[in-house]
């Protein structure tokens, strides 16, 4: 295993992503076009829906709206897994998806999806147990000290728990690129063992992505608001343009996130240098 340092690893992620943005687009555009088409239909028919904060929103939900939302979720989920597997394989093996492979739904994609769901369920279960423990602790502590003090203490404990849970998720996620590569021998336990002692570096690594997300969000906020509100909040052209801008940004960020996992796996599991 090579030495993992947050900043050099993140620089490698940026180079691998933006230096190969063309192949990334070539391999992912069919799924993204399909998702964009479904979202465009959703916007066209439901553009006049009030915001979810408006009580009227819940009275206007129709079976068509629910079905469209479910379809977007389903296609987006499978599309993400398919794109992720292809992109992992491109970075690790130099294998560019061609033809029907761009819509790949083979065993690798199903294993990838299954392991993501397993991870998410595990994190959810752990969080539910933690919340239950904190509630019990609050009930006990509030008898021995002021309620605000007990709440403040446990609030800090909960934040620390969320940070640990996030790090655990990123460490276990090292397995995902191994699945895309076709490895059957790389387990969650192996991923945990390989990343042992590097929690601080991993926290810095993923924090850099968070800072990038915040910076991109702030840079794009003004043009997005200008497009939407300049053309009118309910104007369909404004909605299409602002959502289109967000769609492109989300795609780039998705590729960045997958490259982060690929880099993490390459360093920890295969000893690659960056």
Protein backbone atom coordinates (compact mmCIF):
# COMPACT_ATOMS: atom_id res chain seq x y z
CA UNK A 1 0.00 0.00 0.00
CA UNK A 2 1.30 3.43 -0.96
CA UNK A 3 1.29 6.37 1.41
CA UNK A 4 -2.07 8.14 1.25
CA UNK A 5 -1.94 11.94 1.41
CA UNK A 6 -5.09 13.99 0.94
CA UNK A 7 -3.83 16.85 -1.23
CA UNK A 8 -1.76 14.84 -3.77
CA UNK A 9 -4.59 12.30 -4.02
CA UNK A 10 -7.14 15.04 -4.64
CA UNK A 11 -4.91 16.65 -7.29
CA UNK A 12 -4.76 13.27 -9.00
CA UNK A 13 -8.58 13.10 -8.90
CA UNK A 14 -8.84 16.48 -10.62
CA UNK A 15 -6.31 15.48 -13.29
CA UNK A 16 -7.96 12.10 -13.89
CA UNK A 17 -11.40 13.68 -14.16
CA UNK A 18 -10.85 16.83 -16.18
CA UNK A 19 -8.01 15.32 -18.20
CA UNK A 20 -10.38 12.60 -19.39
CA UNK A 21 -13.68 14.48 -19.43
CA UNK A 22 -14.15 13.55 -23.11
CA UNK A 23 -14.11 9.77 -22.53
CA UNK A 24 -16.26 10.29 -19.44
CA UNK A 25 -18.88 12.02 -21.58
CA UNK A 26 -18.64 9.40 -24.33
CA UNK A 27 -19.27 6.59 -21.84
CA UNK A 28 -22.05 8.25 -19.88
CA UNK A 29 -24.07 10.32 -22.36
CA UNK A 30 -26.63 7.58 -23.23
CA UNK A 31 -27.71 7.18 -19.59
CA UNK A 32 -27.59 10.92 -18.97
CA UNK A 33 -29.67 11.60 -22.09
CA UNK A 34 -32.29 9.11 -20.91
CA UNK A 35 -32.41 10.65 -17.42
CA UNK A 36 -32.53 14.17 -18.89
CA UNK A 37 -35.44 13.21 -21.16
CA UNK A 38 -37.47 11.85 -18.24
CA UNK A 39 -36.71 14.91 -16.14
CA UNK A 40 -37.69 17.18 -19.06
CA UNK A 41 -41.07 15.45 -19.29
CA UNK A 42 -41.46 15.86 -15.54
CA UNK A 43 -40.68 19.59 -15.78
CA UNK A 44 -42.98 20.09 -18.75
CA UNK A 45 -46.04 18.57 -17.11
CA UNK A 46 -45.42 19.59 -13.51
CA UNK A 47 -43.73 23.01 -13.85
CA UNK A 48 -46.70 24.77 -12.26
CA UNK A 49 -46.57 22.70 -9.07
CA UNK A 50 -46.16 24.89 -5.97
CA UNK A 51 -42.99 24.40 -3.87
CA UNK A 52 -43.09 21.56 -1.32
CA UNK A 53 -43.19 24.14 1.50
CA UNK A 54 -46.60 25.27 0.24
CA UNK A 55 -49.54 23.35 1.82
CA UNK A 56 -51.15 23.27 -1.64
CA UNK A 57 -48.29 21.08 -2.89
CA UNK A 58 -49.57 17.99 -1.11
CA UNK A 59 -53.08 18.41 -2.49
CA UNK A 60 -51.80 18.44 -6.06
CA UNK A 61 -49.79 15.23 -5.98
CA UNK A 62 -51.14 12.87 -8.64
CA UNK A 63 -50.39 9.23 -9.50
CA UNK A 64 -48.62 10.53 -12.61
CA UNK A 65 -46.32 12.71 -10.50
CA UNK A 66 -45.51 9.82 -8.18
CA UNK A 67 -44.89 7.46 -11.10
CA UNK A 68 -42.62 9.97 -12.85
CA UNK A 69 -40.66 10.54 -9.65
CA UNK A 70 -40.25 6.79 -9.13
CA UNK A 71 -39.13 6.34 -12.76
CA UNK A 72 -36.53 9.12 -12.41
CA UNK A 73 -35.22 7.53 -9.21
CA UNK A 74 -35.07 4.05 -10.74
CA UNK A 75 -33.37 5.11 -13.97
CA UNK A 76 -30.97 7.45 -12.12
CA UNK A 77 -29.96 4.68 -9.69
CA UNK A 78 -29.24 2.11 -12.39
CA UNK A 79 -27.66 4.77 -14.59
CA UNK A 80 -25.30 5.84 -11.81
CA UNK A 81 -24.20 2.27 -11.11
CA UNK A 82 -23.64 1.54 -14.81
CA UNK A 83 -21.67 4.75 -15.38
CA UNK A 84 -19.67 4.21 -12.17
CA UNK A 85 -18.64 0.67 -13.13
CA UNK A 86 -17.56 1.79 -16.60
CA UNK A 87 -15.64 4.77 -15.21
CA UNK A 88 -13.89 2.69 -12.54
CA UNK A 89 -12.81 0.25 -15.25
CA UNK A 90 -11.60 3.05 -17.49
CA UNK A 91 -9.40 4.58 -14.78
CA UNK A 92 -8.10 1.26 -13.43
CA UNK A 93 -7.86 -0.85 -16.57
CA UNK A 94 -7.91 1.66 -19.43
CA UNK A 95 -11.06 -0.04 -20.71
CA UNK A 96 -13.40 2.33 -22.55
CA UNK A 97 -17.03 1.20 -22.79
CA UNK A 98 -18.19 0.89 -26.39
CA UNK A 99 -21.61 0.34 -27.93
CA UNK A 100 -23.98 -1.57 -25.70
CA UNK A 101 -21.47 -1.54 -22.84
CA UNK A 102 -22.45 2.08 -22.21
CA UNK A 103 -25.79 0.69 -21.01
CA UNK A 104 -24.16 -2.19 -19.19
CA UNK A 105 -26.41 -4.00 -16.71
CA UNK A 106 -24.28 -7.07 -16.11
CA UNK A 107 -23.37 -8.87 -12.89
CA UNK A 108 -20.79 -6.21 -12.00
CA UNK A 109 -23.47 -3.50 -11.99
CA UNK A 110 -25.87 -5.62 -9.92
CA UNK A 111 -23.13 -6.43 -7.40
CA UNK A 112 -22.19 -2.75 -7.29
CA UNK A 113 -25.79 -1.74 -6.58
CA UNK A 114 -26.27 -4.49 -4.02
CA UNK A 115 -23.17 -3.50 -2.07
CA UNK A 116 -24.17 0.17 -2.08
CA UNK A 117 -27.57 -0.78 -0.69
CA UNK A 118 -25.94 -3.03 1.90
CA UNK A 119 -23.66 -0.18 2.97
CA UNK A 120 -26.54 2.27 3.20
CA UNK A 121 -28.69 -0.14 5.20
CA UNK A 122 -25.79 -0.81 7.56
CA UNK A 123 -25.18 2.91 8.10
CA UNK A 124 -28.93 3.48 8.63
CA UNK A 125 -29.14 0.69 11.20
CA UNK A 126 -26.07 1.99 13.04
CA UNK A 127 -27.51 5.50 13.08
CA UNK A 128 -30.86 4.33 14.44
CA UNK A 129 -29.10 2.48 17.26
CA UNK A 130 -26.95 5.55 18.00
CA UNK A 131 -30.00 7.84 18.12
CA UNK A 132 -31.78 5.44 20.48
CA UNK A 133 -28.72 5.37 22.77
CA UNK A 134 -28.47 9.18 22.73
CA UNK A 135 -32.16 9.57 23.60
CA UNK A 136 -31.74 7.23 26.58
CA UNK A 137 -28.57 9.09 27.59
CA UNK A 138 -30.43 12.40 27.39
CA UNK A 139 -33.22 11.13 29.62
CA UNK A 140 -30.65 10.02 32.19
CA UNK A 141 -28.41 13.10 32.01
CA UNK A 142 -31.31 15.55 32.13
CA UNK A 143 -32.08 14.24 35.61
CA UNK A 144 -28.59 15.15 36.81
CA UNK A 145 -28.03 18.48 35.02
CA UNK A 146 -29.98 21.21 33.21
CA UNK A 147 -31.66 20.01 30.03
CA UNK A 148 -29.82 22.53 27.84
CA UNK A 149 -26.47 21.25 29.17
CA UNK A 150 -27.40 17.64 28.51
CA UNK A 151 -28.63 18.55 25.05
CA UNK A 152 -25.45 20.47 24.24
CA UNK A 153 -23.17 17.66 25.36
CA UNK A 154 -25.07 15.01 23.44
CA UNK A 155 -25.31 17.33 20.43
CA UNK A 156 -21.52 17.40 20.21
CA UNK A 157 -21.42 13.63 20.71
CA UNK A 158 -23.89 13.19 17.85
CA UNK A 159 -21.82 15.39 15.53
CA UNK A 160 -18.71 13.36 16.37
CA UNK A 161 -20.69 10.18 15.70
CA UNK A 162 -21.80 11.47 12.27
CA UNK A 163 -18.18 12.27 11.35
CA UNK A 164 -17.12 8.76 12.38
CA UNK A 165 -20.03 7.23 10.46
CA UNK A 166 -19.09 9.21 7.36
CA UNK A 167 -15.48 8.02 7.62
CA UNK A 168 -16.66 4.45 8.11
CA UNK A 169 -18.78 4.75 4.96
CA UNK A 170 -15.86 6.06 2.91
CA UNK A 171 -13.54 3.33 4.23
CA UNK A 172 -15.97 0.53 3.45
CA UNK A 173 -16.68 2.10 0.04
CA UNK A 174 -13.13 1.21 -0.99
CA UNK A 175 -14.66 -2.13 -1.95
CA UNK A 176 -16.83 -0.64 -4.72
CA UNK A 177 -14.08 -0.09 -7.33
CA UNK A 178 -12.87 -3.63 -6.60
CA UNK A 179 -16.32 -4.91 -7.61
CA UNK A 180 -16.21 -2.87 -10.82
CA UNK A 181 -12.76 -4.33 -11.55
CA UNK A 182 -14.25 -7.82 -11.23
CA UNK A 183 -12.52 -8.83 -7.99
CA UNK A 184 -14.35 -11.41 -5.92
CA UNK A 185 -11.74 -11.58 -3.16
CA UNK A 186 -11.97 -8.00 -1.88
CA UNK A 187 -14.39 -7.74 1.06
CA UNK A 188 -15.66 -4.95 3.29
CA UNK A 189 -13.35 -6.31 5.99
CA UNK A 190 -10.37 -6.05 3.65
CA UNK A 191 -11.37 -2.48 2.77
CA UNK A 192 -11.55 -1.60 6.47
CA UNK A 193 -8.18 -3.19 7.15
CA UNK A 194 -6.47 -1.52 4.18
CA UNK A 195 -7.62 1.95 5.28
CA UNK A 196 -6.77 1.48 8.96
CA UNK A 197 -4.77 4.38 10.40
CA UNK A 198 -5.69 6.77 7.59
CA UNK A 199 -8.94 8.24 8.87
CA UNK A 200 -7.43 11.73 9.19
CA UNK A 201 -6.13 11.70 5.61
CA UNK A 202 -9.44 10.35 4.31
CA UNK A 203 -11.34 13.04 6.19
CA UNK A 204 -9.13 15.67 4.55
CA UNK A 205 -9.48 13.99 1.15
CA UNK A 206 -13.29 14.02 1.18
CA UNK A 207 -13.41 17.44 2.86
CA UNK A 208 -11.62 18.84 -0.19
CA UNK A 209 -14.47 17.54 -2.34
CA UNK A 210 -16.97 19.17 0.02
CA UNK A 211 -15.13 22.49 -0.26
CA UNK A 212 -15.15 22.14 -4.05
CA UNK A 213 -18.90 21.48 -3.97
CA UNK A 214 -19.47 24.61 -1.89
CA UNK A 215 -17.30 26.69 -4.21
CA UNK A 216 -19.06 25.40 -7.33
CA UNK A 217 -22.44 25.98 -5.69
CA UNK A 218 -21.59 29.58 -4.87
CA UNK A 219 -20.15 30.27 -8.34
CA UNK A 220 -23.22 28.88 -10.07
CA UNK A 221 -25.80 30.28 -7.66
CA UNK A 222 -25.98 33.73 -9.26
CA UNK A 223 -26.35 32.58 -12.91
CA UNK A 224 -28.84 29.86 -11.87
CA UNK A 225 -30.97 32.34 -9.94
CA UNK A 226 -30.61 34.88 -12.73
CA UNK A 227 -31.86 32.38 -15.30
CA UNK A 228 -34.74 31.18 -13.18
CA UNK A 229 -36.00 34.41 -11.65
CA UNK A 230 -35.03 36.61 -14.59
CA UNK A 231 -37.33 34.58 -16.80
CA UNK A 232 -39.90 34.09 -14.07
CA UNK A 233 -40.06 31.43 -11.38
CA UNK A 234 -42.79 29.47 -13.15
CA UNK A 235 -41.57 30.18 -16.67
CA UNK A 236 -40.82 26.79 -18.25
CA UNK A 237 -37.86 28.14 -20.21
CA UNK A 238 -36.28 29.38 -17.00
CA UNK A 239 -36.91 26.06 -15.29
CA UNK A 240 -35.45 24.09 -18.19
CA UNK A 241 -32.31 26.26 -18.37
CA UNK A 242 -31.63 26.36 -14.62
CA UNK A 243 -32.29 22.64 -14.21
CA UNK A 244 -30.18 21.91 -17.28
CA UNK A 245 -27.27 23.81 -15.75
CA UNK A 246 -27.68 21.90 -12.49
CA UNK A 247 -27.90 18.61 -14.40
CA UNK A 248 -24.55 19.18 -16.11
CA UNK A 249 -22.90 20.20 -12.85
CA UNK A 250 -24.30 17.13 -11.08
CA UNK A 251 -22.86 14.90 -13.81
CA UNK A 252 -19.38 16.39 -13.40
CA UNK A 253 -19.59 16.03 -9.62
CA UNK A 254 -20.71 12.42 -10.00
CA UNK A 255 -17.67 11.64 -12.15
CA UNK A 256 -15.49 13.40 -9.58
CA UNK A 257 -16.96 11.30 -6.75
CA UNK A 258 -16.43 8.05 -8.64
CA UNK A 259 -12.86 9.08 -9.43
CA UNK A 260 -12.32 9.78 -5.71
CA UNK A 261 -13.33 6.20 -4.89
CA UNK A 262 -11.18 4.83 -7.71
CA UNK A 263 -8.14 6.75 -6.47
CA UNK A 264 -8.77 5.64 -2.91
CA UNK A 265 -8.96 2.01 -4.00
CA UNK A 266 -5.93 2.27 -6.26
CA UNK A 267 -3.73 3.60 -3.46
CA UNK A 268 -4.94 1.40 -0.61
CA UNK A 269 -5.71 -1.87 -2.40
CA UNK A 270 -3.23 -1.89 -5.28
CA UNK A 271 -0.44 0.33 -3.97
CA UNK A 272 -0.59 2.74 -6.89
CA UNK A 273 1.31 5.99 -6.81
CA UNK A 274 -0.34 9.36 -7.54
